[in-house]
């Protein structure tokens, strides 16, 4: 089991590594990632991870044909 002192050491290391200003950003990003994962798992749809640049160049190639 995890003791209170071990949790304190881990929390101190996280603060030292990332700083107090980055912690809210990291928490927010992690929360959004978890919510996206949960919603995609419930919906069963595929996530589109290609960038808009790749989509635009693929569409331009298809139009040129």
Foldseek 3Di string as FASTA:
>chain_A
DDDPVNVVVVVVVVCVVQNPVCVVVVVVVVVVVVVVVVVCVVVVDDDDPDDPVVVVVVVVVVVVD
